[in-house]
C-alpha atoms as a PDB file:
ATOM      1  CA  UNK A   1     -17.954  -1.932  -2.757  1.00  0.00           C
ATOM      2  CA  UNK A   2     -17.919  -3.770  -6.060  1.00  0.00           C
ATOM      3  CA  UNK A   3     -20.214  -6.718  -6.794  1.00  0.00           C
ATOM      4  CA  UNK A   4     -19.628  -9.096  -9.724  1.00  0.00           C
ATOM      5  CA  UNK A   5     -20.899 -12.604 -10.328  1.00  0.00           C
ATOM      6  CA  UNK A   6     -22.250 -12.912  -6.802  1.00  0.00           C
ATOM      7  CA  UNK A   7     -18.929 -11.851  -5.230  1.00  0.00           C
ATOM      8  CA  UNK A   8     -18.408  -8.601  -3.351  1.00  0.00           C
ATOM      9  CA  UNK A   9     -15.140  -6.757  -2.748  1.00  0.00           C
ATOM     10  CA  UNK A  10     -14.437  -3.877  -0.412  1.00  0.00           C
ATOM     11  CA  UNK A  11     -10.960  -2.427  -0.374  1.00  0.00           C
ATOM     12  CA  UNK A  12      -8.121  -0.835  -2.283  1.00  0.00           C
ATOM     13  CA  UNK A  13      -7.802  -0.722  -6.069  1.00  0.00           C
ATOM     14  CA  UNK A  14      -4.924   0.164  -8.370  1.00  0.00           C
ATOM     15  CA  UNK A  15      -4.984   0.096 -12.169  1.00  0.00           C
ATOM     16  CA  UNK A  16      -8.379  -1.628 -12.142  1.00  0.00           C
ATOM     17  CA  UNK A  17      -7.123  -4.511  -9.948  1.00  0.00           C
ATOM     18  CA  UNK A  18      -7.499  -5.352  -6.280  1.00  0.00           C
ATOM     19  CA  UNK A  19      -4.326  -4.036  -4.604  1.00  0.00           C
ATOM     20  CA  UNK A  20      -3.533  -3.457  -0.935  1.00  0.00           C
ATOM     21  CA  UNK A  21      -5.941  -4.442   1.816  1.00  0.00           C
ATOM     22  CA  UNK A  22      -9.378  -5.721   1.001  1.00  0.00           C
ATOM     23  CA  UNK A  23     -12.185  -8.108   1.788  1.00  0.00           C
ATOM     24  CA  UNK A  24     -13.841 -10.414  -0.727  1.00  0.00           C
ATOM     25  CA  UNK A  25     -17.014 -12.330   0.027  1.00  0.00           C
ATOM     26  CA  UNK A  26     -17.598 -15.131  -2.482  1.00  0.00           C
ATOM     27  CA  UNK A  27     -21.010 -16.257  -3.674  1.00  0.00           C
ATOM     28  CA  UNK A  28     -20.595 -19.443  -1.585  1.00  0.00           C
ATOM     29  CA  UNK A  29     -20.152 -17.326   1.573  1.00  0.00           C
ATOM     30  CA  UNK A  30     -16.389 -17.740   1.960  1.00  0.00           C
ATOM     31  CA  UNK A  31     -14.661 -14.550   3.094  1.00  0.00           C
ATOM     32  CA  UNK A  32     -11.027 -13.622   2.431  1.00  0.00           C
ATOM     33  CA  UNK A  33      -9.668 -10.593   4.223  1.00  0.00           C
ATOM     34  CA  UNK A  34      -6.097  -9.534   3.701  1.00  0.00           C
ATOM     35  CA  UNK A  35      -3.619  -8.283   1.136  1.00  0.00           C
ATOM     36  CA  UNK A  36      -4.033  -8.273  -2.635  1.00  0.00           C
ATOM     37  CA  UNK A  37      -1.626  -7.691  -5.510  1.00  0.00           C
ATOM     38  CA  UNK A  38      -2.675  -7.418  -9.154  1.00  0.00           C
ATOM     39  CA  UNK A  39      -6.115  -8.837  -8.383  1.00  0.00           C
ATOM     40  CA  UNK A  40      -4.792 -11.909  -6.528  1.00  0.00           C
ATOM     41  CA  UNK A  41      -4.448 -12.793  -2.851  1.00  0.00           C
ATOM     42  CA  UNK A  42      -0.844 -11.952  -2.042  1.00  0.00           C
ATOM     43  CA  UNK A  43       0.632 -11.329   1.421  1.00  0.00           C
ATOM     44  CA  UNK A  44      -0.974 -12.037   4.764  1.00  0.00           C
ATOM     45  CA  UNK A  45      -4.653 -12.955   4.797  1.00  0.00           C
ATOM     46  CA  UNK A  46      -7.358 -15.060   6.397  1.00  0.00           C
ATOM     47  CA  UNK A  47      -9.935 -17.209   4.582  1.00  0.00           C
ATOM     48  CA  UNK A  48     -13.072 -18.195   6.485  1.00  0.00           C
ATOM     49  CA  UNK A  49     -15.931 -20.431   5.394  1.00  0.00           C
ATOM     50  CA  UNK A  50     -19.549 -19.288   5.241  1.00  0.00           C
ATOM     51  CA  UNK A  51     -19.976 -20.100   8.950  1.00  0.00           C
ATOM     52  CA  UNK A  52     -16.984 -18.010  10.023  1.00  0.00           C
ATOM     53  CA  UNK A  53     -14.712 -20.995  10.610  1.00  0.00           C
ATOM     54  CA  UNK A  54     -11.112 -20.396   9.580  1.00  0.00           C
ATOM     55  CA  UNK A  55      -9.921 -22.350   6.549  1.00  0.00           C
ATOM     56  CA  UNK A  56      -6.474 -20.755   6.089  1.00  0.00           C
ATOM     57  CA  UNK A  57      -4.607 -18.034   7.923  1.00  0.00           C
ATOM     58  CA  UNK A  58      -1.155 -16.977   6.774  1.00  0.00           C
ATOM     59  CA  UNK A  59       0.712 -16.059   3.639  1.00  0.00           C
ATOM     60  CA  UNK A  60      -0.617 -16.129   0.101  1.00  0.00           C
ATOM     61  CA  UNK A  61       1.257 -15.746  -3.189  1.00  0.00           C
ATOM     62  CA  UNK A  62      -0.376 -15.424  -6.616  1.00  0.00           C
ATOM     63  CA  UNK A  63      -3.777 -16.442  -5.153  1.00  0.00           C
ATOM     64  CA  UNK A  64      -2.367 -19.626  -3.543  1.00  0.00           C
ATOM     65  CA  UNK A  65      -2.002 -20.338   0.162  1.00  0.00           C
ATOM     66  CA  UNK A  66       1.669 -20.925   1.064  1.00  0.00           C
ATOM     67  CA  UNK A  67       2.257 -24.028   3.138  1.00  0.00           C
ATOM     68  CA  UNK A  68       5.998 -24.248   2.432  1.00  0.00           C
ATOM     69  CA  UNK A  69       7.804 -21.004   3.315  1.00  0.00           C
ATOM     70  CA  UNK A  70      10.897 -22.107   1.355  1.00  0.00           C
ATOM     71  CA  UNK A  71       8.876 -21.324  -1.787  1.00  0.00           C
ATOM     72  CA  UNK A  72       8.584 -17.629  -0.899  1.00  0.00           C
ATOM     73  CA  UNK A  73      10.753 -15.498  -3.156  1.00  0.00           C
ATOM     74  CA  UNK A  74      13.305 -13.051  -1.736  1.00  0.00           C
ATOM     75  CA  UNK A  75      11.229 -10.232  -3.295  1.00  0.00           C
ATOM     76  CA  UNK A  76       8.133 -11.388  -1.394  1.00  0.00           C
ATOM     77  CA  UNK A  77      10.101 -11.610   1.862  1.00  0.00           C
ATOM     78  CA  UNK A  78      11.556  -8.130   1.323  1.00  0.00           C
ATOM     79  CA  UNK A  79       8.169  -6.604   0.511  1.00  0.00           C
ATOM     80  CA  UNK A  80       6.643  -8.212   3.609  1.00  0.00           C
ATOM     81  CA  UNK A  81       9.704  -8.005   5.883  1.00  0.00           C
ATOM     82  CA  UNK A  82       7.699  -6.604   8.812  1.00  0.00           C
ATOM     83  CA  UNK A  83       5.837  -9.925   8.952  1.00  0.00           C
ATOM     84  CA  UNK A  84       9.079 -11.946   9.270  1.00  0.00           C
ATOM     85  CA  UNK A  85      10.502 -10.193  12.368  1.00  0.00           C
END
């Protein structure tokens, strides 16, 4: 577990960045659990508020929640093809 600036992260690392599956708890109590790429939320994940209520559940790209699937790149779809079956 790594703690910085009131945030904690438990999960996979690669080249000093969050990569793979992990869980980040922010200083405000929000919890994101899901996939990371180059230190950013990327892939499937769930964000809950400090009370455990779901804020977003679904796909993330470059740390942003994807509401419009037409914006997903072919590379992203290929990398996550198991999720699109």
